[in-house]
Amino acid sequence: MSSFNLHATVLDNYRDFVRSFFTVAEDREARRAQLRAELDAWYARAYGLTRDELRYILDPADVHGPDFPGETFRVLKEKELAKFGEYRTRRLVLEAWDKLPAP
């Protein structure tokens, strides 16, 4: 093996090694978001909220239309729209709500 091939192989291996950390971090971030959503849904149910009240808390415009003047989590919503193309927290919390057993 020439030194050039060795160099390319070492760089490829190092690149794969470094990328593996990003994959772990992304998996960890997604799992944390899922757990937070499940807890949010559970607490909302424990406080006696309805699904529509929870929807209102997460995004008042979702309940009252896009012209509604109030916002609850504007910064979170904008960040997630930019990063994921959706308001991921809202989706995850409502999905977790829907999986909870009926009260």
N, C-alpha and C. Protein backbone atom coordinates (compact mmCIF):
# COMPACT_ATOMS: atom_id res chain seq x y z
N MET A 1 0.86 -1.18 0.00
CA MET A 1 0.00 0.00 0.00
C MET A 1 0.91 1.24 0.00
N SER A 2 0.62 2.14 -0.89
CA SER A 2 1.42 3.35 -0.96
C SER A 2 1.02 4.30 0.17
N SER A 3 1.87 5.25 0.43
CA SER A 3 1.58 6.21 1.49
C SER A 3 0.37 7.06 1.14
N PHE A 4 0.14 7.28 -0.17
CA PHE A 4 -1.05 8.04 -0.58
C PHE A 4 -2.33 7.26 -0.29
N ASN A 5 -2.31 5.97 -0.56
CA ASN A 5 -3.49 5.14 -0.26
C ASN A 5 -3.72 5.05 1.24
N LEU A 6 -2.63 4.91 1.99
CA LEU A 6 -2.74 4.86 3.44
C LEU A 6 -3.35 6.16 3.97
N HIS A 7 -2.87 7.27 3.46
CA HIS A 7 -3.39 8.57 3.88
C HIS A 7 -4.89 8.68 3.58
N ALA A 8 -5.30 8.28 2.40
CA ALA A 8 -6.72 8.33 2.03
C ALA A 8 -7.55 7.41 2.91
N THR A 9 -7.02 6.24 3.21
CA THR A 9 -7.74 5.28 4.05
C THR A 9 -7.89 5.82 5.47
N VAL A 10 -6.83 6.40 6.00
CA VAL A 10 -6.89 6.97 7.35
C VAL A 10 -7.91 8.12 7.38
N LEU A 11 -7.91 8.98 6.38
CA LEU A 11 -8.87 10.07 6.33
C LEU A 11 -10.31 9.55 6.23
N ASP A 12 -10.52 8.53 5.41
CA ASP A 12 -11.86 7.94 5.30
C ASP A 12 -12.32 7.35 6.63
N ASN A 13 -11.43 6.63 7.28
CA ASN A 13 -11.78 6.04 8.57
C ASN A 13 -12.07 7.11 9.61
N TYR A 14 -11.26 8.16 9.62
CA TYR A 14 -11.47 9.24 10.58
C TYR A 14 -12.79 9.96 10.30
N ARG A 15 -13.10 10.20 9.03
CA ARG A 15 -14.36 10.85 8.66
C ARG A 15 -15.54 10.01 9.15
N ASP A 16 -15.49 8.69 8.91
CA ASP A 16 -16.58 7.82 9.37
C ASP A 16 -16.69 7.83 10.89
N PHE A 17 -15.55 7.84 11.57
CA PHE A 17 -15.53 7.88 13.03
C PHE A 17 -16.20 9.15 13.55
N VAL A 18 -15.83 10.29 12.99
CA VAL A 18 -16.39 11.57 13.43
C VAL A 18 -17.88 11.63 13.13
N ARG A 19 -18.30 11.17 11.96
CA ARG A 19 -19.72 11.18 11.61
C ARG A 19 -20.54 10.32 12.55
N SER A 20 -19.96 9.27 13.08
CA SER A 20 -20.71 8.41 14.00
C SER A 20 -21.15 9.17 15.24
N PHE A 21 -20.36 10.15 15.67
CA PHE A 21 -20.76 10.96 16.82
C PHE A 21 -21.97 11.83 16.50
N PHE A 22 -22.03 12.34 15.28
CA PHE A 22 -23.17 13.14 14.89
C PHE A 22 -24.44 12.29 14.86
N THR A 23 -24.33 11.07 14.40
CA THR A 23 -25.48 10.17 14.36
C THR A 23 -25.97 9.89 15.77
N VAL A 24 -25.06 9.63 16.69
CA VAL A 24 -25.43 9.37 18.08
C VAL A 24 -26.09 10.60 18.67
N ALA A 25 -25.52 11.78 18.41
CA ALA A 25 -26.09 13.02 18.95
C ALA A 25 -27.48 13.27 18.37
N GLU A 26 -27.66 13.02 17.09
CA GLU A 26 -28.98 13.21 16.47
C GLU A 26 -29.99 12.23 17.05
N ASP A 27 -29.58 10.98 17.23
CA ASP A 27 -30.48 9.98 17.83
C ASP A 27 -30.85 10.39 19.25
N ARG A 28 -29.87 10.87 19.99
CA ARG A 28 -30.11 11.28 21.37
C ARG A 28 -31.05 12.48 21.42
N GLU A 29 -30.85 13.43 20.51
CA GLU A 29 -31.72 14.61 20.46
C GLU A 29 -33.15 14.22 20.13
N ALA A 30 -33.32 13.32 19.16
CA ALA A 30 -34.67 12.88 18.78
C ALA A 30 -35.34 12.14 19.93
N ARG A 31 -34.59 11.30 20.64
CA ARG A 31 -35.16 10.55 21.77
C ARG A 31 -35.56 11.50 22.90
N ARG A 32 -34.71 12.51 23.18
CA ARG A 32 -35.05 13.50 24.20
C ARG A 32 -36.31 14.26 23.84
N ALA A 33 -36.43 14.64 22.56
CA ALA A 33 -37.63 15.36 22.12
C ALA A 33 -38.87 14.49 22.29
N GLN A 34 -38.74 13.20 21.99
CA GLN A 34 -39.87 12.29 22.15
C GLN A 34 -40.26 12.15 23.61
N LEU A 35 -39.29 11.99 24.48
CA LEU A 35 -39.58 11.86 25.91
C LEU A 35 -40.21 13.13 26.47
N ARG A 36 -39.69 14.29 26.08
CA ARG A 36 -40.29 15.55 26.54
C ARG A 36 -41.73 15.67 26.07
N ALA A 37 -41.99 15.26 24.84
CA ALA A 37 -43.35 15.33 24.31
C ALA A 37 -44.28 14.41 25.09
N GLU A 38 -43.81 13.21 25.42
CA GLU A 38 -44.64 12.28 26.19
C GLU A 38 -44.93 12.84 27.58
N LEU A 39 -43.92 13.45 28.19
CA LEU A 39 -44.15 14.06 29.50
C LEU A 39 -45.11 15.24 29.41
N ASP A 40 -44.95 16.07 28.40
CA ASP A 40 -45.87 17.21 28.22
C ASP A 40 -47.30 16.73 28.06
N ALA A 41 -47.49 15.69 27.27
CA ALA A 41 -48.84 15.15 27.08
C ALA A 41 -49.39 14.59 28.39
N TRP A 42 -48.55 13.87 29.11
CA TRP A 42 -49.00 13.28 30.37
C TRP A 42 -49.39 14.37 31.37
N TYR A 43 -48.54 15.41 31.50
CA TYR A 43 -48.85 16.51 32.43
C TYR A 43 -50.12 17.25 32.00
N ALA A 44 -50.30 17.46 30.73
CA ALA A 44 -51.52 18.13 30.25
C ALA A 44 -52.75 17.32 30.67
N ARG A 45 -52.68 16.02 30.50
CA ARG A 45 -53.79 15.15 30.90
C ARG A 45 -53.98 15.19 32.41
N ALA A 46 -52.87 15.15 33.15
CA ALA A 46 -52.94 15.17 34.61
C ALA A 46 -53.56 16.47 35.13
N TYR A 47 -53.34 17.57 34.42
CA TYR A 47 -53.94 18.86 34.81
C TYR A 47 -55.36 19.01 34.29
N GLY A 48 -55.87 18.00 33.61
CA GLY A 48 -57.25 18.02 33.17
C GLY A 48 -57.51 18.77 31.88
N LEU A 49 -56.47 19.03 31.10
CA LEU A 49 -56.66 19.74 29.84
C LEU A 49 -57.30 18.82 28.80
N THR A 50 -58.03 19.40 27.88
CA THR A 50 -58.53 18.66 26.73
C THR A 50 -57.48 18.74 25.62
N ARG A 51 -57.67 17.95 24.60
CA ARG A 51 -56.74 17.99 23.46
C ARG A 51 -56.76 19.37 22.81
N ASP A 52 -57.93 19.96 22.67
CA ASP A 52 -58.02 21.30 22.06
C ASP A 52 -57.35 22.36 22.92
N GLU A 53 -57.46 22.24 24.23
CA GLU A 53 -56.76 23.19 25.10
C GLU A 53 -55.25 23.04 24.97
N LEU A 54 -54.79 21.80 24.86
CA LEU A 54 -53.37 21.55 24.64
C LEU A 54 -52.93 22.11 23.30
N ARG A 55 -53.72 21.90 22.26
CA ARG A 55 -53.42 22.49 20.94
C ARG A 55 -53.30 24.00 21.05
N TYR A 56 -54.21 24.63 21.78
CA TYR A 56 -54.19 26.08 21.96
C TYR A 56 -52.91 26.53 22.66
N ILE A 57 -52.51 25.81 23.68
CA ILE A 57 -51.28 26.16 24.40
C ILE A 57 -50.07 26.05 23.48
N LEU A 58 -50.01 24.99 22.71
CA LEU A 58 -48.87 24.78 21.82
C LEU A 58 -48.83 25.79 20.68
N ASP A 59 -50.00 26.12 20.12
CA ASP A 59 -50.04 27.03 18.98
C ASP A 59 -51.44 27.61 18.84
N PRO A 60 -51.71 28.78 19.44
CA PRO A 60 -53.06 29.36 19.37
C PRO A 60 -53.56 29.55 17.94
N ALA A 61 -52.68 29.83 17.01
CA ALA A 61 -53.09 30.01 15.61
C ALA A 61 -53.62 28.72 15.01
N ASP A 62 -53.19 27.59 15.55
CA ASP A 62 -53.69 26.29 15.07
C ASP A 62 -55.17 26.13 15.39
N VAL A 63 -55.60 26.73 16.49
CA VAL A 63 -57.00 26.62 16.92
C VAL A 63 -57.84 27.75 16.35
N HIS A 64 -57.30 28.98 16.38
CA HIS A 64 -58.09 30.16 16.01
C HIS A 64 -57.77 30.73 14.64
N GLY A 65 -56.88 30.09 13.90
CA GLY A 65 -56.55 30.57 12.56
C GLY A 65 -55.28 31.40 12.53
N PRO A 66 -54.71 31.57 11.35
CA PRO A 66 -53.41 32.25 11.22
C PRO A 66 -53.42 33.73 11.59
N ASP A 67 -54.59 34.36 11.63
CA ASP A 67 -54.66 35.78 11.98
C ASP A 67 -54.74 36.02 13.48
N PHE A 68 -54.77 34.96 14.28
CA PHE A 68 -54.85 35.12 15.73
C PHE A 68 -53.60 35.86 16.22
N PRO A 69 -53.77 36.90 17.03
CA PRO A 69 -52.63 37.75 17.39
C PRO A 69 -51.67 37.17 18.44
N GLY A 70 -52.09 36.17 19.17
CA GLY A 70 -51.23 35.65 20.24
C GLY A 70 -50.39 34.47 19.81
N GLU A 71 -49.23 34.35 20.46
CA GLU A 71 -48.36 33.20 20.23
C GLU A 71 -47.79 32.76 21.57
N THR A 72 -47.63 31.47 21.73
CA THR A 72 -47.12 30.95 22.99
C THR A 72 -45.63 30.63 22.88
N PHE A 73 -45.27 29.83 21.91
CA PHE A 73 -43.89 29.38 21.76
C PHE A 73 -43.34 29.79 20.39
N ARG A 74 -43.40 31.09 20.11
CA ARG A 74 -43.02 31.59 18.79
C ARG A 74 -41.58 31.22 18.42
N VAL A 75 -40.64 31.43 19.34
CA VAL A 75 -39.23 31.17 19.04
C VAL A 75 -39.01 29.68 18.77
N LEU A 76 -39.58 28.83 19.60
CA LEU A 76 -39.46 27.38 19.39
C LEU A 76 -40.04 26.99 18.04
N LYS A 77 -41.22 27.49 17.75
CA LYS A 77 -41.88 27.17 16.48
C LYS A 77 -41.03 27.61 15.29
N GLU A 78 -40.50 28.83 15.34
CA GLU A 78 -39.67 29.33 14.23
C GLU A 78 -38.41 28.51 14.07
N LYS A 79 -37.76 28.16 15.18
CA LYS A 79 -36.54 27.35 15.11
C LYS A 79 -36.82 25.98 14.50
N GLU A 80 -37.91 25.36 14.93
CA GLU A 80 -38.22 24.03 14.43
C GLU A 80 -38.66 24.06 12.96
N LEU A 81 -39.38 25.10 12.58
CA LEU A 81 -39.75 25.23 11.17
C LEU A 81 -38.50 25.37 10.31
N ALA A 82 -37.52 26.12 10.78
CA ALA A 82 -36.29 26.29 10.02
C ALA A 82 -35.46 25.00 9.99
N LYS A 83 -35.41 24.30 11.12
CA LYS A 83 -34.56 23.11 11.23
C LYS A 83 -35.21 21.85 10.65
N PHE A 84 -36.51 21.66 10.93
CA PHE A 84 -37.17 20.41 10.56
C PHE A 84 -38.23 20.58 9.47
N GLY A 85 -38.57 21.83 9.16
CA GLY A 85 -39.63 22.06 8.17
C GLY A 85 -41.02 21.86 8.73
N GLU A 86 -41.11 21.72 10.04
CA GLU A 86 -42.39 21.56 10.72
C GLU A 86 -42.23 21.99 12.17
N TYR A 87 -43.33 22.22 12.83
CA TYR A 87 -43.33 22.51 14.26
C TYR A 87 -43.35 21.14 14.95
N ARG A 88 -42.18 20.57 15.09
CA ARG A 88 -42.04 19.19 15.54
C ARG A 88 -42.59 18.96 16.94
N THR A 89 -42.36 19.90 17.86
CA THR A 89 -42.84 19.73 19.23
C THR A 89 -44.35 19.57 19.26
N ARG A 90 -45.05 20.40 18.50
CA ARG A 90 -46.52 20.31 18.46
C ARG A 90 -46.95 18.93 17.99
N ARG A 91 -46.34 18.46 16.90
CA ARG A 91 -46.70 17.15 16.36
C ARG A 91 -46.41 16.04 17.37
N LEU A 92 -45.22 16.07 17.97
CA LEU A 92 -44.85 15.00 18.91
C LEU A 92 -45.74 14.99 20.15
N VAL A 93 -46.05 16.17 20.68
CA VAL A 93 -46.90 16.23 21.88
C VAL A 93 -48.30 15.72 21.56
N LEU A 94 -48.86 16.14 20.44
CA LEU A 94 -50.22 15.69 20.10
C LEU A 94 -50.25 14.20 19.76
N GLU A 95 -49.20 13.69 19.13
CA GLU A 95 -49.13 12.25 18.89
C GLU A 95 -49.05 11.49 20.21
N ALA A 96 -48.25 12.01 21.14
CA ALA A 96 -48.15 11.37 22.46
C ALA A 96 -49.49 11.42 23.19
N TRP A 97 -50.19 12.55 23.06
CA TRP A 97 -51.53 12.68 23.66
C TRP A 97 -52.46 11.61 23.11
N ASP A 98 -52.43 11.45 21.82
CA ASP A 98 -53.34 10.48 21.19
C ASP A 98 -53.04 9.04 21.60
N LYS A 99 -51.83 8.76 22.05
CA LYS A 99 -51.47 7.42 22.48
C LYS A 99 -51.79 7.15 23.96
N LEU A 100 -52.11 8.21 24.70
CA LEU A 100 -52.45 8.03 26.11
C LEU A 100 -53.78 7.28 26.24
N PRO A 101 -53.90 6.45 27.27
CA PRO A 101 -55.18 5.78 27.48
C PRO A 101 -56.27 6.81 27.82
N ALA A 102 -57.47 6.51 27.46
CA ALA A 102 -58.59 7.41 27.75
C ALA A 102 -58.74 7.57 29.26
N PRO A 103 -59.09 8.80 29.70
CA PRO A 103 -59.20 9.02 31.15
C PRO A 103 -60.39 8.29 31.74
